[in-house]
Amino acid sequence: MSDGSLIGMPVEASDGDAGIVEDVLTTEDGTAKYLVVRNRGVFGSSAVLPLSSAAIKGASIRFEMTRAEIKAADKFDHSRYGESAGLFSTAAKDYDRRVGDQ
């Protein structure tokens, strides 16, 4: 499964639905490190969770964390999880590739 195919997958916590994968953050060499998970609330936020803690279960991704723990996880911040930190957005790469193909 490619990093890009994880985007949009539902995320399950130990106590139910936790949102969807909004992005996959990779190192410069393309190694996937983190998932950016968007919760489904009206004022949703994006939590950054280590991919190493995730398990793919069929068509969803599962974390052995509660929804509250996921909601309380680090929020996405470009200075901490962006290019200056050596991490790159799979969603942005996919977008650039699609726009370049037009």
C-alpha atoms as a PDB file:
ATOM      1  CA  MET A   1       0.000   0.000   0.000  1.00  0.00           C
ATOM      2  CA  SER A   2       1.492   3.367  -0.992  1.00  0.00           C
ATOM      3  CA  ASP A   3       1.617   6.342   1.361  1.00  0.00           C
ATOM      4  CA  GLY A   4      -0.793   8.273  -0.859  1.00  0.00           C
ATOM      5  CA  SER A   5      -3.383   5.507  -0.682  1.00  0.00           C
ATOM      6  CA  LEU A   6      -3.597   5.976   3.099  1.00  0.00           C
ATOM      7  CA  ILE A   7      -5.005   9.484   2.609  1.00  0.00           C
ATOM      8  CA  GLY A   8      -8.760   9.488   3.119  1.00  0.00           C
ATOM      9  CA  MET A   9      -8.804   6.205   5.046  1.00  0.00           C
ATOM     10  CA  PRO A  10     -10.977   6.155   8.167  1.00  0.00           C
ATOM     11  CA  VAL A  11      -9.156   6.073  11.500  1.00  0.00           C
ATOM     12  CA  GLU A  12     -10.454   4.020  14.402  1.00  0.00           C
ATOM     13  CA  ALA A  13      -9.546   4.560  18.039  1.00  0.00           C
ATOM     14  CA  SER A  14      -9.978   1.878  20.689  1.00  0.00           C
ATOM     15  CA  ASP A  15     -13.358   3.451  21.527  1.00  0.00           C
ATOM     16  CA  GLY A  16     -14.690   4.248  18.041  1.00  0.00           C
ATOM     17  CA  ASP A  17     -14.348   6.534  15.025  1.00  0.00           C
ATOM     18  CA  ALA A  18     -11.472   9.019  15.319  1.00  0.00           C
ATOM     19  CA  GLY A  19     -11.527  10.709  11.889  1.00  0.00           C
ATOM     20  CA  ILE A  20      -9.719  10.290   8.582  1.00  0.00           C
ATOM     21  CA  VAL A  21      -6.131  10.370   7.365  1.00  0.00           C
ATOM     22  CA  GLU A  22      -5.575  13.845   5.955  1.00  0.00           C
ATOM     23  CA  ASP A  23      -1.886  13.459   5.101  1.00  0.00           C
ATOM     24  CA  VAL A  24       1.157  11.213   5.446  1.00  0.00           C
ATOM     25  CA  LEU A  25       4.397  12.920   6.458  1.00  0.00           C
ATOM     26  CA  THR A  26       7.582  11.415   5.060  1.00  0.00           C
ATOM     27  CA  THR A  27      11.295  11.985   5.420  1.00  0.00           C
ATOM     28  CA  GLU A  28      13.298  13.264   2.455  1.00  0.00           C
ATOM     29  CA  ASP A  29      14.062   9.693   1.380  1.00  0.00           C
ATOM     30  CA  GLY A  30      10.317   8.910   1.292  1.00  0.00           C
ATOM     31  CA  THR A  31      10.045   6.953   4.537  1.00  0.00           C
ATOM     32  CA  ALA A  32       6.562   7.460   6.020  1.00  0.00           C
ATOM     33  CA  LYS A  33       6.809   8.656   9.649  1.00  0.00           C
ATOM     34  CA  TYR A  34       3.523  10.265  10.714  1.00  0.00           C
ATOM     35  CA  LEU A  35      -0.171  10.338   9.863  1.00  0.00           C
ATOM     36  CA  VAL A  36      -2.081  13.595  10.077  1.00  0.00           C
ATOM     37  CA  VAL A  37      -5.534  12.601  11.329  1.00  0.00           C
ATOM     38  CA  ARG A  38      -8.449  15.014  10.963  1.00  0.00           C
ATOM     39  CA  ASN A  39     -11.255  14.448  13.449  1.00  0.00           C
ATOM     40  CA  ARG A  40     -14.786  14.745  12.151  1.00  0.00           C
ATOM     41  CA  GLY A  41     -16.049  17.377  14.572  1.00  0.00           C
ATOM     42  CA  VAL A  42     -17.536  20.700  13.455  1.00  0.00           C
ATOM     43  CA  PHE A  43     -14.382  22.438  14.629  1.00  0.00           C
ATOM     44  CA  GLY A  44     -12.138  19.544  13.675  1.00  0.00           C
ATOM     45  CA  SER A  45      -8.437  19.607  14.292  1.00  0.00           C
ATOM     46  CA  SER A  46      -5.547  17.639  12.861  1.00  0.00           C
ATOM     47  CA  ALA A  47      -3.533  15.401  15.184  1.00  0.00           C
ATOM     48  CA  VAL A  48      -0.103  14.079  14.227  1.00  0.00           C
ATOM     49  CA  LEU A  49       0.344  10.424  15.135  1.00  0.00           C
ATOM     50  CA  PRO A  50       3.335   8.141  14.544  1.00  0.00           C
ATOM     51  CA  LEU A  51       2.743   5.666  11.752  1.00  0.00           C
ATOM     52  CA  SER A  52       4.608   3.074  13.811  1.00  0.00           C
ATOM     53  CA  SER A  53       1.654   3.074  16.255  1.00  0.00           C
ATOM     54  CA  ALA A  54      -0.910   2.373  13.535  1.00  0.00           C
ATOM     55  CA  ALA A  55      -2.302  -0.926  12.304  1.00  0.00           C
ATOM     56  CA  ILE A  56      -4.102  -1.287   8.979  1.00  0.00           C
ATOM     57  CA  LYS A  57      -7.280  -3.274   9.585  1.00  0.00           C
ATOM     58  CA  GLY A  58      -9.077  -3.882   6.299  1.00  0.00           C
ATOM     59  CA  ALA A  59     -10.135  -0.520   4.904  1.00  0.00           C
ATOM     60  CA  SER A  60      -9.298   1.489   8.044  1.00  0.00           C
ATOM     61  CA  ILE A  61      -6.360   2.374  10.243  1.00  0.00           C
ATOM     62  CA  ARG A  62      -6.513   1.555  13.937  1.00  0.00           C
ATOM     63  CA  PHE A  63      -4.701   3.089  16.887  1.00  0.00           C
ATOM     64  CA  GLU A  64      -4.693   1.566  20.369  1.00  0.00           C
ATOM     65  CA  MET A  65      -5.541   5.000  21.764  1.00  0.00           C
ATOM     66  CA  THR A  66      -8.859   6.483  22.809  1.00  0.00           C
ATOM     67  CA  ARG A  67     -10.503   9.267  20.806  1.00  0.00           C
ATOM     68  CA  ALA A  68      -9.645  11.651  23.651  1.00  0.00           C
ATOM     69  CA  GLU A  69      -5.963  10.629  23.481  1.00  0.00           C
ATOM     70  CA  ILE A  70      -5.918  11.167  19.720  1.00  0.00           C
ATOM     71  CA  LYS A  71      -7.630  14.538  20.088  1.00  0.00           C
ATOM     72  CA  ALA A  72      -5.034  15.530  22.718  1.00  0.00           C
ATOM     73  CA  ALA A  73      -2.070  14.460  20.529  1.00  0.00           C
ATOM     74  CA  ASP A  74       0.249  17.018  18.936  1.00  0.00           C
ATOM     75  CA  LYS A  75      -1.524  19.290  16.476  1.00  0.00           C
ATOM     76  CA  PHE A  76      -0.067  19.760  12.999  1.00  0.00           C
ATOM     77  CA  ASP A  77       2.358  22.690  12.981  1.00  0.00           C
ATOM     78  CA  HIS A  78       4.528  23.416   9.914  1.00  0.00           C
ATOM     79  CA  SER A  79       7.482  24.500  12.044  1.00  0.00           C
ATOM     80  CA  ARG A  80       7.464  21.198  13.913  1.00  0.00           C
ATOM     81  CA  TYR A  81       6.253  18.795  11.223  1.00  0.00           C
ATOM     82  CA  GLY A  82       7.073  20.574   7.962  1.00  0.00           C
ATOM     83  CA  GLU A  83      10.045  20.805   5.626  1.00  0.00           C
ATOM     84  CA  SER A  84      12.113  22.754   8.163  1.00  0.00           C
ATOM     85  CA  ALA A  85      11.834  19.659  10.377  1.00  0.00           C
ATOM     86  CA  GLY A  86      12.814  17.356   7.491  1.00  0.00           C
ATOM     87  CA  LEU A  87       9.270  16.103   6.882  1.00  0.00           C
ATOM     88  CA  PHE A  88       7.319  16.300   3.637  1.00  0.00           C
ATOM     89  CA  SER A  89       3.613  16.166   2.834  1.00  0.00           C
ATOM     90  CA  THR A  90       2.449  13.259   0.673  1.00  0.00           C
ATOM     91  CA  ALA A  91      -0.784  15.148  -0.096  1.00  0.00           C
ATOM     92  CA  ALA A  92       1.194  18.126  -1.410  1.00  0.00           C
ATOM     93  CA  LYS A  93       3.439  15.877  -3.530  1.00  0.00           C
ATOM     94  CA  ASP A  94       0.363  14.128  -4.984  1.00  0.00           C
ATOM     95  CA  TYR A  95      -1.250  17.489  -5.751  1.00  0.00           C
ATOM     96  CA  ASP A  96       1.904  18.822  -7.430  1.00  0.00           C
ATOM     97  CA  ARG A  97       2.136  15.630  -9.498  1.00  0.00           C
ATOM     98  CA  ARG A  98      -1.542  15.897 -10.603  1.00  0.00           C
ATOM     99  CA  VAL A  99      -1.222  19.590 -11.500  1.00  0.00           C
ATOM    100  CA  GLY A 100       2.002  18.896 -13.391  1.00  0.00           C
ATOM    101  CA  ASP A 101       0.253  16.223 -15.462  1.00  0.00           C
ATOM    102  CA  GLN A 102      -2.327  18.688 -16.809  1.00  0.00           C
END
